[in-house]
Amino acid sequence: MILLCDPRVAAVPGADDGAPLVDLREIPELRLDQRAADPAGAYARLRRPVVDRLLAAQRALPDGLRLLVVEGYRPYQAQLDIFTGYREELRRTHPDWSPERLYRETTKFVSPVEVAPHSTGGAVDLTLCTVDGVELDMGTPVDATPEASGNACFTAASSIGAEARRRRQIMAGALRGAGLVNYPTEWWHWSYGDRYWALLTGAPNTRYGPV
């Protein structure tokens, strides 16, 4: 399992092809959840090629299923706040952890800001719903932490029920088929064009840098 704190991620050369950010509120084919909504609407924005891939993934889903997007672009400060907040939560819970372990465990849930996929506009948190918008059980809520879920948030977790595991596999198959990659500690997190994507796919550089 390659974590976002792995030096190989930060070592990927950065580039940006200039693909624009698109507001998902203007894409009626994709359902957009409001739980991560912010006043500026950052949560609803993704790079255009990522949106195209989500639409392709949705077309590959079985009848009766749709993607439910929770969050796309995340500004630098918001990313930093989540990282430091979760790190402090772990520090209080595990005062015996070394700084190195604390950092590594934090990155199982939230990326360091210097390599954060969401801050490029190339990453998306999402789940499955019915055609009527009813969110489906995927074994844990979106954004469940490893600490709180006993690692059931890991994409390949065996501790969840069979139906939730099947739904994760369905969603993963559609998204991988459309060219996105998953962060394996978060079943809901998928990206394209960022450093993590480039490392996993062997791309020579990123397609997107921080916005």
C-alpha atoms as a PDB file:
ATOM      1  CA  MET A   1       0.000   0.000   0.000  1.00  0.00           C
ATOM      2  CA  ILE A   2       1.513   3.321  -1.094  1.00  0.00           C
ATOM      3  CA  LEU A   3       0.570   6.185   1.216  1.00  0.00           C
ATOM      4  CA  LEU A   4       0.586   9.852   0.275  1.00  0.00           C
ATOM      5  CA  CYS A   5       3.502  10.412   2.649  1.00  0.00           C
ATOM      6  CA  ASP A   6       5.690   8.123   0.526  1.00  0.00           C
ATOM      7  CA  PRO A   7       8.650  10.162  -0.828  1.00  0.00           C
ATOM      8  CA  ARG A   8       7.974   8.747  -4.283  1.00  0.00           C
ATOM      9  CA  VAL A   9       4.732  10.720  -4.446  1.00  0.00           C
ATOM     10  CA  ALA A  10       6.386  14.060  -3.728  1.00  0.00           C
ATOM     11  CA  ALA A  11       9.175  13.211  -6.192  1.00  0.00           C
ATOM     12  CA  VAL A  12       6.808  13.086  -9.183  1.00  0.00           C
ATOM     13  CA  PRO A  13       7.572  16.081 -11.445  1.00  0.00           C
ATOM     14  CA  GLY A  14       4.784  18.649 -11.452  1.00  0.00           C
ATOM     15  CA  ALA A  15       3.106  20.046 -14.548  1.00  0.00           C
ATOM     16  CA  ASP A  16      -0.280  21.541 -15.363  1.00  0.00           C
ATOM     17  CA  ASP A  17      -1.964  21.291 -18.754  1.00  0.00           C
ATOM     18  CA  GLY A  18      -4.382  24.100 -17.954  1.00  0.00           C
ATOM     19  CA  ALA A  19      -7.586  22.053 -18.028  1.00  0.00           C
ATOM     20  CA  PRO A  20     -10.327  24.281 -16.586  1.00  0.00           C
ATOM     21  CA  LEU A  21     -12.303  23.689 -13.434  1.00  0.00           C
ATOM     22  CA  VAL A  22     -15.946  22.857 -14.113  1.00  0.00           C
ATOM     23  CA  ASP A  23     -18.820  23.489 -11.705  1.00  0.00           C
ATOM     24  CA  LEU A  24     -20.688  20.232 -11.156  1.00  0.00           C
ATOM     25  CA  ARG A  25     -23.805  22.209 -10.325  1.00  0.00           C
ATOM     26  CA  GLU A  26     -23.974  22.814 -14.079  1.00  0.00           C
ATOM     27  CA  ILE A  27     -23.636  19.107 -14.938  1.00  0.00           C
ATOM     28  CA  PRO A  28     -27.140  17.658 -14.461  1.00  0.00           C
ATOM     29  CA  GLU A  29     -26.015  14.097 -15.282  1.00  0.00           C
ATOM     30  CA  LEU A  30     -24.054  13.920 -12.028  1.00  0.00           C
ATOM     31  CA  ARG A  31     -25.661  14.065  -8.601  1.00  0.00           C
ATOM     32  CA  LEU A  32     -23.945  16.408  -6.139  1.00  0.00           C
ATOM     33  CA  ASP A  33     -24.333  15.996  -2.385  1.00  0.00           C
ATOM     34  CA  GLN A  34     -24.332  19.039  -0.106  1.00  0.00           C
ATOM     35  CA  ARG A  35     -22.565  17.714   3.010  1.00  0.00           C
ATOM     36  CA  ALA A  36     -19.205  19.263   2.085  1.00  0.00           C
ATOM     37  CA  ALA A  37     -20.661  22.438   0.581  1.00  0.00           C
ATOM     38  CA  ASP A  38     -18.730  25.648   1.242  1.00  0.00           C
ATOM     39  CA  PRO A  39     -19.819  29.262   0.637  1.00  0.00           C
ATOM     40  CA  ALA A  40     -17.502  29.651  -2.364  1.00  0.00           C
ATOM     41  CA  GLY A  41     -18.693  26.437  -4.008  1.00  0.00           C
ATOM     42  CA  ALA A  42     -15.188  24.976  -4.204  1.00  0.00           C
ATOM     43  CA  TYR A  43     -16.504  21.513  -3.321  1.00  0.00           C
ATOM     44  CA  ALA A  44     -18.453  21.401  -6.592  1.00  0.00           C
ATOM     45  CA  ARG A  45     -15.492  22.019  -8.916  1.00  0.00           C
ATOM     46  CA  LEU A  46     -13.374  19.498 -10.799  1.00  0.00           C
ATOM     47  CA  ARG A  47     -11.099  19.576 -13.821  1.00  0.00           C
ATOM     48  CA  ARG A  48     -12.995  19.046 -17.054  1.00  0.00           C
ATOM     49  CA  PRO A  49     -11.257  15.740 -17.986  1.00  0.00           C
ATOM     50  CA  VAL A  50     -12.093  14.359 -14.517  1.00  0.00           C
ATOM     51  CA  VAL A  51     -15.753  15.225 -15.047  1.00  0.00           C
ATOM     52  CA  ASP A  52     -15.667  13.460 -18.417  1.00  0.00           C
ATOM     53  CA  ARG A  53     -14.256  10.355 -16.745  1.00  0.00           C
ATOM     54  CA  LEU A  54     -16.917  10.418 -14.046  1.00  0.00           C
ATOM     55  CA  LEU A  55     -19.598  10.550 -16.704  1.00  0.00           C
ATOM     56  CA  ALA A  56     -17.992   7.581 -18.454  1.00  0.00           C
ATOM     57  CA  ALA A  57     -17.799   5.679 -15.153  1.00  0.00           C
ATOM     58  CA  GLN A  58     -21.447   6.390 -14.439  1.00  0.00           C
ATOM     59  CA  ARG A  59     -22.444   5.012 -17.832  1.00  0.00           C
ATOM     60  CA  ALA A  60     -20.588   1.804 -16.931  1.00  0.00           C
ATOM     61  CA  LEU A  61     -22.585   1.249 -13.734  1.00  0.00           C
ATOM     62  CA  PRO A  62     -25.370  -1.335 -13.639  1.00  0.00           C
ATOM     63  CA  ASP A  63     -28.915  -0.110 -14.162  1.00  0.00           C
ATOM     64  CA  GLY A  64     -30.337   1.539 -11.077  1.00  0.00           C
ATOM     65  CA  LEU A  65     -27.031   2.934  -9.789  1.00  0.00           C
ATOM     66  CA  ARG A  66     -25.549   6.413 -10.053  1.00  0.00           C
ATOM     67  CA  LEU A  67     -22.529   8.224  -8.702  1.00  0.00           C
ATOM     68  CA  LEU A  68     -23.068  10.657  -5.840  1.00  0.00           C
ATOM     69  CA  VAL A  69     -20.296  13.255  -5.691  1.00  0.00           C
ATOM     70  CA  VAL A  70     -19.469  14.572  -2.214  1.00  0.00           C
ATOM     71  CA  GLU A  71     -16.420  16.803  -2.732  1.00  0.00           C
ATOM     72  CA  GLY A  72     -14.070  17.840  -5.501  1.00  0.00           C
ATOM     73  CA  TYR A  73     -11.663  20.770  -5.282  1.00  0.00           C
ATOM     74  CA  ARG A  74     -10.407  21.681  -1.821  1.00  0.00           C
ATOM     75  CA  PRO A  75      -8.409  24.894  -1.260  1.00  0.00           C
ATOM     76  CA  TYR A  76      -4.997  24.823   0.420  1.00  0.00           C
ATOM     77  CA  GLN A  77      -6.182  26.225   3.751  1.00  0.00           C
ATOM     78  CA  ALA A  78      -9.076  23.784   4.016  1.00  0.00           C
ATOM     79  CA  GLN A  79      -6.686  20.902   3.315  1.00  0.00           C
ATOM     80  CA  LEU A  80      -4.246  22.154   5.940  1.00  0.00           C
ATOM     81  CA  ASP A  81      -7.010  22.519   8.533  1.00  0.00           C
ATOM     82  CA  ILE A  82      -8.193  18.936   8.004  1.00  0.00           C
ATOM     83  CA  PHE A  83      -4.650  17.584   8.165  1.00  0.00           C
ATOM     84  CA  THR A  84      -3.688  19.410  11.359  1.00  0.00           C
ATOM     85  CA  GLY A  85      -7.033  18.673  12.983  1.00  0.00           C
ATOM     86  CA  TYR A  86      -6.789  14.921  12.426  1.00  0.00           C
ATOM     87  CA  ARG A  87      -3.117  14.875  13.435  1.00  0.00           C
ATOM     88  CA  GLU A  88      -3.993  16.542  16.734  1.00  0.00           C
ATOM     89  CA  GLU A  89      -6.843  14.087  17.289  1.00  0.00           C
ATOM     90  CA  LEU A  90      -4.434  11.193  16.856  1.00  0.00           C
ATOM     91  CA  ARG A  91      -1.824  12.887  19.053  1.00  0.00           C
ATOM     92  CA  ARG A  92      -4.322  13.123  21.909  1.00  0.00           C
ATOM     93  CA  THR A  93      -5.442   9.527  21.460  1.00  0.00           C
ATOM     94  CA  HIS A  94      -1.930   8.092  21.063  1.00  0.00           C
ATOM     95  CA  PRO A  95       0.517  10.246  23.061  1.00  0.00           C
ATOM     96  CA  ASP A  96       3.086   7.435  22.848  1.00  0.00           C
ATOM     97  CA  TRP A  97       3.362   7.573  19.049  1.00  0.00           C
ATOM     98  CA  SER A  98       6.586   8.950  17.578  1.00  0.00           C
ATOM     99  CA  PRO A  99       6.337  12.015  15.303  1.00  0.00           C
ATOM    100  CA  GLU A 100       7.087   9.767  12.329  1.00  0.00           C
ATOM    101  CA  ARG A 101       4.277   7.353  13.127  1.00  0.00           C
ATOM    102  CA  LEU A 102       1.886  10.198  13.882  1.00  0.00           C
ATOM    103  CA  TYR A 103       2.596  11.704  10.469  1.00  0.00           C
ATOM    104  CA  ARG A 104       2.220   8.377   8.671  1.00  0.00           C
ATOM    105  CA  GLU A 105      -1.061   7.509  10.405  1.00  0.00           C
ATOM    106  CA  THR A 106      -2.433  10.980   9.672  1.00  0.00           C
ATOM    107  CA  THR A 107      -1.772  10.503   5.959  1.00  0.00           C
ATOM    108  CA  LYS A 108      -3.930   7.389   5.918  1.00  0.00           C
ATOM    109  CA  PHE A 109      -6.895   9.753   6.187  1.00  0.00           C
ATOM    110  CA  VAL A 110      -5.780  13.110   4.824  1.00  0.00           C
ATOM    111  CA  SER A 111      -3.023  14.119   2.440  1.00  0.00           C
ATOM    112  CA  PRO A 112      -0.131  16.414   3.337  1.00  0.00           C
ATOM    113  CA  VAL A 113      -0.810  19.761   1.685  1.00  0.00           C
ATOM    114  CA  GLU A 114       2.267  19.629  -0.537  1.00  0.00           C
ATOM    115  CA  VAL A 115       0.935  16.630  -2.491  1.00  0.00           C
ATOM    116  CA  ALA A 116      -2.812  16.973  -1.852  1.00  0.00           C
ATOM    117  CA  PRO A 117      -4.842  15.574  -4.775  1.00  0.00           C
ATOM    118  CA  HIS A 118      -7.969  17.583  -3.923  1.00  0.00           C
ATOM    119  CA  SER A 119      -6.091  20.869  -4.173  1.00  0.00           C
ATOM    120  CA  THR A 120      -5.358  20.182  -7.850  1.00  0.00           C
ATOM    121  CA  GLY A 121      -8.999  19.812  -8.807  1.00  0.00           C
ATOM    122  CA  GLY A 122      -8.192  16.283  -9.941  1.00  0.00           C
ATOM    123  CA  ALA A 123      -9.566  14.344  -6.963  1.00  0.00           C
ATOM    124  CA  VAL A 124     -13.101  13.519  -5.977  1.00  0.00           C
ATOM    125  CA  ASP A 125     -14.825  11.933  -2.993  1.00  0.00           C
ATOM    126  CA  LEU A 126     -17.918  10.043  -4.043  1.00  0.00           C
ATOM    127  CA  THR A 127     -20.216   7.131  -3.362  1.00  0.00           C
ATOM    128  CA  LEU A 128     -23.153   5.309  -4.950  1.00  0.00           C
ATOM    129  CA  CYS A 129     -26.846   6.116  -4.861  1.00  0.00           C
ATOM    130  CA  THR A 130     -30.032   4.959  -6.546  1.00  0.00           C
ATOM    131  CA  VAL A 131     -31.504   6.793  -9.525  1.00  0.00           C
ATOM    132  CA  ASP A 132     -33.747   8.551  -6.994  1.00  0.00           C
ATOM    133  CA  GLY A 133     -30.742   9.811  -5.030  1.00  0.00           C
ATOM    134  CA  VAL A 134     -30.921   7.416  -2.087  1.00  0.00           C
ATOM    135  CA  GLU A 135     -27.378   6.895  -0.808  1.00  0.00           C
ATOM    136  CA  LEU A 136     -26.349   3.251  -0.529  1.00  0.00           C
ATOM    137  CA  ASP A 137     -24.551   1.506   2.326  1.00  0.00           C
ATOM    138  CA  MET A 138     -20.874   1.110   1.407  1.00  0.00           C
ATOM    139  CA  GLY A 139     -19.724  -0.310   4.727  1.00  0.00           C
ATOM    140  CA  THR A 140     -18.726   2.996   6.317  1.00  0.00           C
ATOM    141  CA  PRO A 141     -19.785   6.600   5.818  1.00  0.00           C
ATOM    142  CA  VAL A 142     -17.779   8.736   3.424  1.00  0.00           C
ATOM    143  CA  ASP A 143     -14.905  10.304   5.405  1.00  0.00           C
ATOM    144  CA  ALA A 144     -14.886   7.635   8.126  1.00  0.00           C
ATOM    145  CA  THR A 145     -11.429   7.692   9.694  1.00  0.00           C
ATOM    146  CA  PRO A 146      -9.246   4.590  10.026  1.00  0.00           C
ATOM    147  CA  GLU A 147      -9.205   5.197  13.773  1.00  0.00           C
ATOM    148  CA  ALA A 148     -12.986   5.349  14.161  1.00  0.00           C
ATOM    149  CA  SER A 149     -13.833   2.619  11.653  1.00  0.00           C
ATOM    150  CA  GLY A 150     -11.183   0.074  12.644  1.00  0.00           C
ATOM    151  CA  ASN A 151      -9.781   0.393   9.095  1.00  0.00           C
ATOM    152  CA  ALA A 152     -13.147  -0.560   7.564  1.00  0.00           C
ATOM    153  CA  CYS A 153     -12.702   2.579   5.450  1.00  0.00           C
ATOM    154  CA  PHE A 154      -9.880   0.837   3.571  1.00  0.00           C
ATOM    155  CA  THR A 155     -11.139   0.026   0.075  1.00  0.00           C
ATOM    156  CA  ALA A 156     -10.367  -3.687   0.341  1.00  0.00           C
ATOM    157  CA  ALA A 157     -11.515  -4.068   3.973  1.00  0.00           C
ATOM    158  CA  SER A 158     -12.816  -7.568   4.706  1.00  0.00           C
ATOM    159  CA  SER A 159     -14.635  -6.518   7.874  1.00  0.00           C
ATOM    160  CA  ILE A 160     -17.637  -5.027   6.068  1.00  0.00           C
ATOM    161  CA  GLY A 161     -20.743  -6.850   4.876  1.00  0.00           C
ATOM    162  CA  ALA A 162     -20.892  -8.734   1.604  1.00  0.00           C
ATOM    163  CA  GLU A 163     -23.321  -6.320  -0.055  1.00  0.00           C
ATOM    164  CA  ALA A 164     -21.253  -3.256   0.828  1.00  0.00           C
ATOM    165  CA  ARG A 165     -18.136  -5.021  -0.415  1.00  0.00           C
ATOM    166  CA  ARG A 166     -19.898  -5.845  -3.705  1.00  0.00           C
ATOM    167  CA  ARG A 167     -20.941  -2.217  -4.138  1.00  0.00           C
ATOM    168  CA  ARG A 168     -17.401  -1.022  -3.548  1.00  0.00           C
ATOM    169  CA  GLN A 169     -16.189  -3.438  -6.201  1.00  0.00           C
ATOM    170  CA  ILE A 170     -18.819  -2.227  -8.675  1.00  0.00           C
ATOM    171  CA  MET A 171     -17.921   1.409  -8.127  1.00  0.00           C
ATOM    172  CA  ALA A 172     -14.195   0.669  -8.273  1.00  0.00           C
ATOM    173  CA  GLY A 173     -14.541  -1.240 -11.514  1.00  0.00           C
ATOM    174  CA  ALA A 174     -16.369   1.629 -13.199  1.00  0.00           C
ATOM    175  CA  LEU A 175     -13.965   4.308 -11.969  1.00  0.00           C
ATOM    176  CA  ARG A 176     -10.809   2.354 -12.765  1.00  0.00           C
ATOM    177  CA  GLY A 177     -12.222   1.617 -16.184  1.00  0.00           C
ATOM    178  CA  ALA A 178     -12.548   5.365 -16.721  1.00  0.00           C
ATOM    179  CA  GLY A 179      -8.908   5.962 -15.794  1.00  0.00           C
ATOM    180  CA  LEU A 180      -9.100   7.081 -12.172  1.00  0.00           C
ATOM    181  CA  VAL A 181      -7.021   5.668  -9.310  1.00  0.00           C
ATOM    182  CA  ASN A 182      -8.069   5.025  -5.717  1.00  0.00           C
ATOM    183  CA  TYR A 183      -6.338   5.913  -2.473  1.00  0.00           C
ATOM    184  CA  PRO A 184      -6.552   2.486  -0.790  1.00  0.00           C
ATOM    185  CA  THR A 185      -7.241   3.748   2.732  1.00  0.00           C
ATOM    186  CA  GLU A 186     -10.359   5.624   1.543  1.00  0.00           C
ATOM    187  CA  TRP A 187     -12.847   3.728  -0.619  1.00  0.00           C
ATOM    188  CA  TRP A 188     -14.514   7.010  -1.649  1.00  0.00           C
ATOM    189  CA  HIS A 189     -11.378   8.876  -2.829  1.00  0.00           C
ATOM    190  CA  TRP A 190     -10.459   8.746  -6.535  1.00  0.00           C
ATOM    191  CA  SER A 191      -8.186  10.932  -8.613  1.00  0.00           C
ATOM    192  CA  TYR A 192      -6.764  11.646 -12.039  1.00  0.00           C
ATOM    193  CA  GLY A 193      -3.872  13.856 -13.085  1.00  0.00           C
ATOM    194  CA  ASP A 194      -2.344  14.425  -9.626  1.00  0.00           C
ATOM    195  CA  ARG A 195       0.954  13.146  -8.210  1.00  0.00           C
ATOM    196  CA  TYR A 196      -0.558   9.972  -6.751  1.00  0.00           C
ATOM    197  CA  TRP A 197      -2.203   9.135 -10.079  1.00  0.00           C
ATOM    198  CA  ALA A 198       1.062   9.760 -11.923  1.00  0.00           C
ATOM    199  CA  LEU A 199       3.030   7.476  -9.597  1.00  0.00           C
ATOM    200  CA  LEU A 200       0.531   4.625  -9.840  1.00  0.00           C
ATOM    201  CA  THR A 201       0.109   4.841 -13.612  1.00  0.00           C
ATOM    202  CA  GLY A 202       3.755   5.513 -14.496  1.00  0.00           C
ATOM    203  CA  ALA A 203       3.017   8.916 -16.012  1.00  0.00           C
ATOM    204  CA  PRO A 204       6.190  11.068 -16.365  1.00  0.00           C
ATOM    205  CA  ASN A 205       4.601  14.034 -14.553  1.00  0.00           C
ATOM    206  CA  THR A 206       1.342  15.344 -13.197  1.00  0.00           C
ATOM    207  CA  ARG A 207      -1.329  16.737 -15.467  1.00  0.00           C
ATOM    208  CA  TYR A 208      -2.547  19.127 -12.770  1.00  0.00           C
ATOM    209  CA  GLY A 209      -0.831  21.223 -10.146  1.00  0.00           C
ATOM    210  CA  PRO A 210      -2.332  23.019  -7.149  1.00  0.00           C
ATOM    211  CA  VAL A 211      -5.040  25.541  -7.990  1.00  0.00           C
END
